[in-house]
Amino acid sequence: MPLHYNGLGVSVMYPDGWKIEEDGTEENSVSFESPLGAFLTITRYPELNFSDAVEKAYQVMLAEYDEVESEEFSRTIADREFNVTALRFVYLDFLIVAELFSFLLGGSTYLVQVQGEDRDVEKLQPVFQAMLTSLFQKAESLTS
């Protein structure tokens, strides 16, 4: 049975058995971690525009990891089109993928980061898609 998170100006359904962690620092964020270790994080940046939020996360990854490869693609979630930046790098002999995109809601910019070992992210893609769909469906009902 799915659980519900309400905070940071968003509402998300997530699977039972996943860990949830909120960060109440200046960069308010919430992370949903799967039992496999892959995670989805939503961070609110009231002071950044949406392209700067992705760039900030991208620069952090470049500073943290060696040989980061990137590509961009489009993804549709709840009838909305998003430009996603996918990053790939090796960490502890695992190929890690991080997918980044941002959106505006209620006057704030939000950054979404999906990250984990490539096989786990691929396996959990339908779950991440459902979580994000719940976020945007709830956001539409709040703003309609």
Protein backbone atom coordinates (compact mmCIF):
# COMPACT_ATOMS: atom_id res chain seq x y z
CA MET A 1 0.00 0.00 0.00
CA PRO A 2 1.49 3.37 -0.96
CA LEU A 3 2.35 5.98 1.61
CA HIS A 4 1.96 9.75 1.22
CA TYR A 5 4.46 12.51 1.79
CA ASN A 6 3.20 16.07 2.19
CA GLY A 7 5.81 18.79 2.64
CA LEU A 8 8.01 21.33 0.87
CA GLY A 9 4.92 22.45 -1.03
CA VAL A 10 4.53 19.06 -2.76
CA SER A 11 2.65 15.81 -2.21
CA VAL A 12 4.09 12.46 -3.36
CA MET A 13 2.93 8.87 -3.08
CA TYR A 14 5.76 6.41 -2.44
CA PRO A 15 6.03 2.65 -1.85
CA ASP A 16 5.75 1.09 1.56
CA GLY A 17 9.16 -0.16 2.71
CA TRP A 18 11.08 2.81 1.31
CA LYS A 19 13.06 5.07 3.64
CA ILE A 20 12.21 8.72 3.70
CA GLU A 21 14.52 11.45 4.94
CA GLU A 22 13.88 15.19 5.13
CA ASP A 23 16.64 17.79 5.15
CA GLY A 24 15.47 20.99 6.77
CA THR A 25 18.54 23.08 5.97
CA GLU A 26 18.44 26.10 3.67
CA GLU A 27 18.10 23.68 0.74
CA ASN A 28 14.90 21.99 1.83
CA SER A 29 14.77 18.49 0.43
CA VAL A 30 13.19 15.10 0.87
CA SER A 31 14.68 11.77 -0.27
CA PHE A 32 12.87 8.52 -0.92
CA GLU A 33 15.27 5.55 -0.85
CA SER A 34 14.36 2.15 -2.25
CA PRO A 35 15.44 -1.09 -0.58
CA LEU A 36 17.87 -1.47 -3.52
CA GLY A 37 19.59 1.81 -2.60
CA ALA A 38 18.40 3.87 -5.58
CA PHE A 39 16.69 7.08 -4.55
CA LEU A 40 14.56 10.01 -5.65
CA THR A 41 15.26 13.39 -4.07
CA ILE A 42 13.18 16.54 -4.41
CA THR A 43 14.89 19.79 -3.41
CA ARG A 44 13.20 23.19 -3.23
CA TYR A 45 15.28 26.21 -4.33
CA PRO A 46 13.17 29.34 -3.88
CA GLU A 47 16.06 31.56 -5.04
CA LEU A 48 17.07 29.75 -8.27
CA ASN A 49 15.45 29.49 -11.67
CA PHE A 50 14.89 25.98 -12.94
CA SER A 51 17.89 25.81 -15.30
CA ASP A 52 20.23 27.07 -12.56
CA ALA A 53 19.00 24.32 -10.21
CA VAL A 54 20.02 21.61 -12.68
CA GLU A 55 23.33 23.35 -13.39
CA LYS A 56 24.08 23.59 -9.66
CA ALA A 57 23.51 19.84 -9.18
CA TYR A 58 25.53 19.06 -12.32
CA GLN A 59 28.49 21.11 -11.06
CA VAL A 60 28.38 19.32 -7.69
CA MET A 61 28.57 15.97 -9.50
CA LEU A 62 31.49 17.13 -11.64
CA ALA A 63 33.38 18.25 -8.52
CA GLU A 64 32.62 15.02 -6.65
CA TYR A 65 33.21 12.32 -9.28
CA ASP A 66 35.79 11.65 -11.98
CA GLU A 67 34.84 11.22 -15.62
CA VAL A 68 31.17 12.17 -15.51
CA GLU A 69 29.41 11.60 -18.82
CA SER A 70 26.20 13.44 -19.57
CA GLU A 71 23.36 13.36 -22.05
CA GLU A 72 20.04 15.12 -22.34
CA PHE A 73 16.68 13.70 -23.30
CA SER A 74 12.97 14.42 -22.88
CA ARG A 75 10.62 12.55 -20.58
CA THR A 76 6.86 12.88 -20.28
CA ILE A 77 5.37 12.70 -16.80
CA ALA A 78 1.66 13.31 -16.21
CA ASP A 79 1.30 14.86 -19.68
CA ARG A 80 4.17 17.29 -19.03
CA GLU A 81 7.39 17.29 -21.01
CA PHE A 82 10.67 17.64 -19.08
CA ASN A 83 14.25 18.06 -20.25
CA VAL A 84 16.29 15.55 -18.27
CA THR A 85 20.06 15.63 -17.82
CA ALA A 86 21.42 12.13 -17.26
CA LEU A 87 24.85 11.73 -15.71
CA ARG A 88 26.87 8.53 -15.59
CA PHE A 89 29.96 7.89 -13.51
CA VAL A 90 31.75 5.09 -11.70
CA TYR A 91 31.68 4.94 -7.91
CA LEU A 92 33.14 2.01 -5.95
CA ASP A 93 33.25 -0.05 -9.16
CA PHE A 94 29.52 0.51 -9.83
CA LEU A 95 28.13 2.39 -12.79
CA ILE A 96 25.90 5.08 -11.29
CA VAL A 97 23.26 7.02 -13.17
CA ALA A 98 21.75 10.28 -11.96
CA GLU A 99 18.84 11.90 -13.75
CA LEU A 100 18.18 15.58 -13.07
CA PHE A 101 15.32 17.86 -14.04
CA SER A 102 13.55 20.82 -12.52
CA PHE A 103 10.14 22.44 -12.49
CA LEU A 104 8.38 25.51 -11.11
CA LEU A 105 5.55 25.22 -8.61
CA GLY A 106 4.01 27.84 -6.37
CA GLY A 107 6.76 30.37 -7.04
CA SER A 108 9.58 27.96 -6.15
CA THR A 109 11.98 25.94 -8.27
CA TYR A 110 12.21 22.23 -7.50
CA LEU A 111 15.01 19.91 -8.56
CA VAL A 112 14.30 16.20 -8.97
CA GLN A 113 17.24 13.81 -8.79
CA VAL A 114 16.85 10.08 -9.40
CA GLN A 115 20.08 8.23 -8.68
CA GLY A 116 21.42 4.75 -8.15
CA GLU A 117 23.27 1.90 -9.75
CA ASP A 118 22.25 1.85 -13.41
CA ARG A 119 20.54 -1.56 -13.18
CA ASP A 120 18.54 -0.49 -10.13
CA VAL A 121 17.42 2.81 -11.65
CA GLU A 122 16.34 1.00 -14.81
CA LYS A 123 14.46 -1.63 -12.79
CA LEU A 124 12.76 1.02 -10.64
CA GLN A 125 11.95 3.43 -13.48
CA PRO A 126 8.21 2.53 -13.42
CA VAL A 127 8.12 3.20 -9.66
CA PHE A 128 9.91 6.54 -10.01
CA GLN A 129 7.55 7.42 -12.88
CA ALA A 130 4.51 6.61 -10.70
CA MET A 131 5.88 8.68 -7.80
CA LEU A 132 6.49 11.67 -10.06
CA THR A 133 3.10 11.26 -11.72
CA SER A 134 1.47 11.42 -8.27
CA LEU A 135 3.43 14.59 -7.54
CA PHE A 136 2.28 16.35 -10.72
CA GLN A 137 -1.32 15.13 -10.54
CA LYS A 138 -1.59 16.45 -6.99
CA ALA A 139 0.11 19.72 -8.03
CA GLU A 140 -2.46 20.18 -10.83
CA SER A 141 -5.35 19.65 -8.42
CA LEU A 142 -3.83 22.22 -6.04
CA THR A 143 -3.36 24.87 -8.71
CA SER A 144 -6.56 24.28 -10.67
